[in-house]
Amino acid sequence: GVQTCALPIWSAVLFDLDGTLTHSEAGVIRGVLHALSHVGIAHPAQHEMRRYLGPPLHDSFTRFHDMSNEQAHEAVAVYREYYDTTGAFENEVYAGVPELLADLAARGVRVAVATSKVEYAAVAIMRHFDLERYVEHIVGADPSGELRGTKALVIAEALARLGLEPGAAAVMVGDREHDIHGAAANGLASIGAGWGYAEPEIGRAHV
């Protein structure tokens, strides 16, 4: 589970969602398999499915399956049809997360979510699990992916909504390399969530 720790130097903490606040593997994987079936692509081996957890799905579909841009857009749309109604809630909050968020709020630390998941889905999940009350902003990708299609752009938008500049006294907490690189692109420190979905060789703890 997640353990509360002292973060005295940060005025704001940005959290990834999947693999950091919630264990969302089942719903995401079922949605991906549904989308791949729709576009006529054979299902990957089970051990390969975790690579879809976290990164923007459009990028994963083009990278792993050589989909055209149009095919990838179609696959993402089919994925969302499943995920928005069912997959988002095939999910659970990691032990200790509500207490951690409550503790940060009690200390006066500003908290936001910065996720590559489409924003409306992230809001629905945070509300479903009664976590929305602990955060100032929930920032995700836009539906088209044209405005916030990378983690760096999502983090930049989260900083803007918090009224903070790149390089501010804020930290990004996430479980994938995209969180680390996105934070660096915005001049932020980062903390790796070792309980998430990153592969061991990526290296999970970065500060």
Protein backbone atom coordinates (compact mmCIF):
# COMPACT_ATOMS: atom_id res chain seq x y z
CA GLY A 1 0.00 0.00 0.00
CA VAL A 2 0.86 3.67 -0.11
CA GLN A 3 2.60 5.16 2.89
CA THR A 4 2.21 8.79 3.91
CA CYS A 5 5.50 10.65 3.98
CA ALA A 6 6.65 14.16 4.79
CA LEU A 7 6.97 16.42 1.75
CA PRO A 8 7.96 19.73 3.34
CA ILE A 9 9.52 21.38 0.28
CA TRP A 10 6.69 20.94 -2.22
CA SER A 11 3.92 23.51 -2.50
CA ALA A 12 2.06 21.30 -4.99
CA VAL A 13 2.00 17.59 -5.83
CA LEU A 14 0.76 16.24 -9.17
CA PHE A 15 -0.36 12.61 -9.25
CA ASP A 16 -0.75 10.24 -12.15
CA LEU A 17 -3.95 8.18 -11.93
CA ASP A 18 -3.58 4.65 -13.38
CA GLY A 19 -0.96 2.70 -11.48
CA THR A 20 -0.48 5.51 -8.96
CA LEU A 21 -3.81 6.33 -7.30
CA THR A 22 -5.84 3.43 -8.68
CA HIS A 23 -5.20 -0.15 -9.76
CA SER A 24 -6.95 0.06 -13.12
CA GLU A 25 -5.40 -2.86 -14.97
CA ALA A 26 -8.49 -5.01 -15.53
CA GLY A 27 -10.67 -2.33 -17.14
CA VAL A 28 -7.93 -0.92 -19.35
CA ILE A 29 -6.84 -4.32 -20.65
CA ARG A 30 -10.41 -5.44 -21.40
CA GLY A 31 -10.98 -2.18 -23.26
CA VAL A 32 -7.81 -2.62 -25.31
CA LEU A 33 -8.72 -6.21 -26.23
CA HIS A 34 -12.20 -5.02 -27.27
CA ALA A 35 -10.65 -2.33 -29.49
CA LEU A 36 -8.13 -4.71 -31.08
CA SER A 37 -10.88 -7.21 -31.89
CA HIS A 38 -12.90 -4.45 -33.54
CA VAL A 39 -10.09 -3.51 -35.93
CA GLY A 40 -9.23 -7.15 -36.65
CA ILE A 41 -5.94 -7.46 -34.77
CA ALA A 42 -5.10 -10.66 -32.90
CA HIS A 43 -4.87 -10.33 -29.14
CA PRO A 44 -1.33 -10.02 -27.77
CA ALA A 45 -0.03 -12.51 -25.23
CA GLN A 46 -1.23 -11.84 -21.70
CA HIS A 47 2.24 -10.90 -20.47
CA GLU A 48 2.43 -8.14 -23.10
CA MET A 49 -0.75 -6.36 -22.01
CA ARG A 50 0.74 -4.25 -19.22
CA ARG A 51 2.56 -2.10 -21.77
CA TYR A 52 -0.80 -0.44 -22.51
CA LEU A 53 -1.17 0.80 -18.94
CA GLY A 54 -0.29 4.47 -18.70
CA PRO A 55 0.96 5.74 -22.08
CA PRO A 56 -1.47 7.44 -24.52
CA LEU A 57 -3.36 4.63 -26.27
CA HIS A 58 -3.11 6.21 -29.72
CA ASP A 59 0.68 6.01 -29.44
CA SER A 60 0.55 2.42 -28.19
CA PHE A 61 -1.72 1.28 -31.03
CA THR A 62 0.51 2.83 -33.70
CA ARG A 63 3.72 1.66 -32.03
CA PHE A 64 2.78 -1.91 -31.20
CA HIS A 65 0.50 -2.72 -34.15
CA ASP A 66 1.65 -0.45 -36.97
CA MET A 67 -1.82 1.06 -37.18
CA SER A 68 -2.34 4.06 -39.40
CA ASN A 69 -3.36 7.31 -37.74
CA GLU A 70 -6.97 6.70 -38.81
CA GLN A 71 -6.99 3.11 -37.53
CA ALA A 72 -5.57 4.22 -34.19
CA HIS A 73 -8.23 6.94 -33.83
CA GLU A 74 -10.92 4.34 -34.56
CA ALA A 75 -9.43 1.90 -32.05
CA VAL A 76 -9.27 4.58 -29.36
CA ALA A 77 -12.92 5.50 -30.01
CA VAL A 78 -13.98 1.84 -29.66
CA TYR A 79 -11.88 1.51 -26.51
CA ARG A 80 -13.63 4.53 -24.98
CA GLU A 81 -17.07 3.11 -25.76
CA TYR A 82 -16.21 0.17 -23.52
CA TYR A 83 -14.14 2.05 -20.97
CA ASP A 84 -16.55 4.92 -20.36
CA THR A 85 -19.43 2.65 -19.42
CA THR A 86 -17.70 -0.37 -17.88
CA GLY A 87 -13.91 -0.40 -17.83
CA ALA A 88 -13.40 2.77 -15.81
CA PHE A 89 -15.04 1.13 -12.83
CA GLU A 90 -13.25 -2.24 -13.14
CA ASN A 91 -10.80 -0.53 -10.88
CA GLU A 92 -9.88 -0.05 -7.22
CA VAL A 93 -8.05 2.55 -5.15
CA TYR A 94 -4.64 1.51 -3.83
CA ALA A 95 -4.53 1.06 -0.07
CA GLY A 96 -3.45 4.25 1.67
CA VAL A 97 -4.26 6.65 -1.17
CA PRO A 98 -7.25 8.40 0.46
CA GLU A 99 -5.24 8.86 3.66
CA LEU A 100 -2.27 10.22 1.72
CA LEU A 101 -4.39 12.73 -0.19
CA ALA A 102 -6.20 13.79 2.99
CA ASP A 103 -2.87 14.25 4.78
CA LEU A 104 -1.47 16.44 2.00
CA ALA A 105 -4.62 18.55 2.00
CA ALA A 106 -4.42 18.93 5.78
CA ARG A 107 -0.84 20.18 5.43
CA GLY A 108 -1.91 22.81 2.94
CA VAL A 109 -0.16 21.15 0.01
CA ARG A 110 -1.98 21.76 -3.27
CA VAL A 111 -2.82 18.57 -5.13
CA ALA A 112 -3.79 17.91 -8.74
CA VAL A 113 -4.15 14.87 -10.97
CA ALA A 114 -2.22 14.82 -14.26
CA THR A 115 -3.08 11.76 -16.35
CA SER A 116 -2.84 10.66 -19.98
CA LYS A 117 -6.36 9.26 -19.60
CA VAL A 118 -9.01 11.41 -21.30
CA GLU A 119 -10.03 14.08 -18.82
CA TYR A 120 -13.75 13.32 -18.50
CA ALA A 121 -12.95 9.69 -17.62
CA ALA A 122 -10.42 10.75 -15.00
CA VAL A 123 -13.00 13.06 -13.41
CA ALA A 124 -15.60 10.27 -13.38
CA ILE A 125 -13.18 7.86 -11.70
CA MET A 126 -12.09 10.37 -9.06
CA ARG A 127 -15.75 11.10 -8.27
CA HIS A 128 -16.69 7.42 -8.24
CA PHE A 129 -14.06 6.69 -5.61
CA ASP A 130 -14.76 9.91 -3.64
CA LEU A 131 -11.23 11.22 -4.24
CA GLU A 132 -12.19 14.40 -6.09
CA ARG A 133 -12.63 16.33 -2.85
CA TYR A 134 -8.91 16.09 -2.09
CA VAL A 135 -7.65 17.68 -5.32
CA GLU A 136 -7.89 21.15 -6.84
CA HIS A 137 -7.76 20.06 -10.47
CA ILE A 138 -8.09 16.87 -12.49
CA VAL A 139 -6.25 17.26 -15.78
CA GLY A 140 -6.17 14.69 -18.55
CA ALA A 141 -5.89 14.39 -22.29
CA ASP A 142 -8.46 16.12 -24.47
CA PRO A 143 -10.69 13.71 -26.45
CA SER A 144 -8.88 14.35 -29.74
CA GLY A 145 -5.40 14.24 -28.24
CA GLU A 146 -4.47 17.30 -30.29
CA LEU A 147 -4.11 19.68 -27.33
CA ARG A 148 -2.81 17.40 -24.59
CA GLY A 149 -1.68 14.25 -26.35
CA THR A 150 1.55 13.83 -24.34
CA LYS A 151 2.23 13.64 -20.62
CA ALA A 152 4.40 16.74 -20.83
CA LEU A 153 1.46 18.75 -22.23
CA VAL A 154 -0.89 17.36 -19.55
CA ILE A 155 1.55 18.40 -16.82
CA ALA A 156 1.94 21.84 -18.40
CA GLU A 157 -1.84 22.29 -18.33
CA ALA A 158 -2.02 21.13 -14.70
CA LEU A 159 0.59 23.72 -13.74
CA ALA A 160 -1.32 26.41 -15.63
CA ARG A 161 -4.58 25.57 -13.83
CA LEU A 162 -2.71 25.74 -10.52
CA GLY A 163 -1.32 29.12 -11.54
CA LEU A 164 2.25 27.80 -11.40
CA GLU A 165 5.12 28.28 -13.82
CA PRO A 166 7.33 25.47 -15.19
CA GLY A 167 10.11 24.85 -12.70
CA ALA A 168 7.85 25.64 -9.73
CA ALA A 169 8.24 23.97 -6.33
CA ALA A 170 6.03 21.08 -7.40
CA VAL A 171 6.63 17.38 -7.90
CA MET A 172 5.12 14.78 -10.24
CA VAL A 173 4.32 11.37 -8.74
CA GLY A 174 3.81 8.55 -11.24
CA ASP A 175 4.66 4.99 -12.11
CA ARG A 176 5.83 5.20 -15.73
CA GLU A 177 8.75 6.75 -17.60
CA HIS A 178 6.28 9.13 -19.27
CA ASP A 179 5.66 10.74 -15.87
CA ILE A 180 9.39 11.19 -15.29
CA HIS A 181 10.08 12.62 -18.75
CA GLY A 182 6.96 14.80 -18.67
CA ALA A 183 7.99 16.26 -15.33
CA ALA A 184 11.51 16.96 -16.59
CA ALA A 185 10.11 18.72 -19.67
CA ASN A 186 8.34 21.10 -17.30
CA GLY A 187 11.27 21.60 -14.95
CA LEU A 188 9.72 19.53 -12.16
CA ALA A 189 11.15 16.91 -9.86
CA SER A 190 9.49 13.49 -9.92
CA ILE A 191 8.88 10.57 -7.61
CA GLY A 192 8.44 7.02 -8.90
CA ALA A 193 5.47 5.02 -7.61
CA GLY A 194 7.03 1.58 -7.20
CA TRP A 195 3.67 -0.15 -6.79
CA GLY A 196 2.54 0.79 -10.33
CA TYR A 197 2.89 -0.67 -13.81
CA ALA A 198 6.44 0.23 -14.90
CA GLU A 199 8.70 -2.62 -15.91
CA PRO A 200 11.61 -3.12 -13.48
CA GLU A 201 14.27 -2.19 -16.04
CA ILE A 202 12.78 1.27 -16.48
CA GLY A 203 13.76 2.25 -12.96
CA ARG A 204 10.87 3.41 -10.83
CA ALA A 205 12.31 5.83 -8.29
CA HIS A 206 13.47 9.19 -9.59
CA VAL A 207 13.70 12.39 -7.57
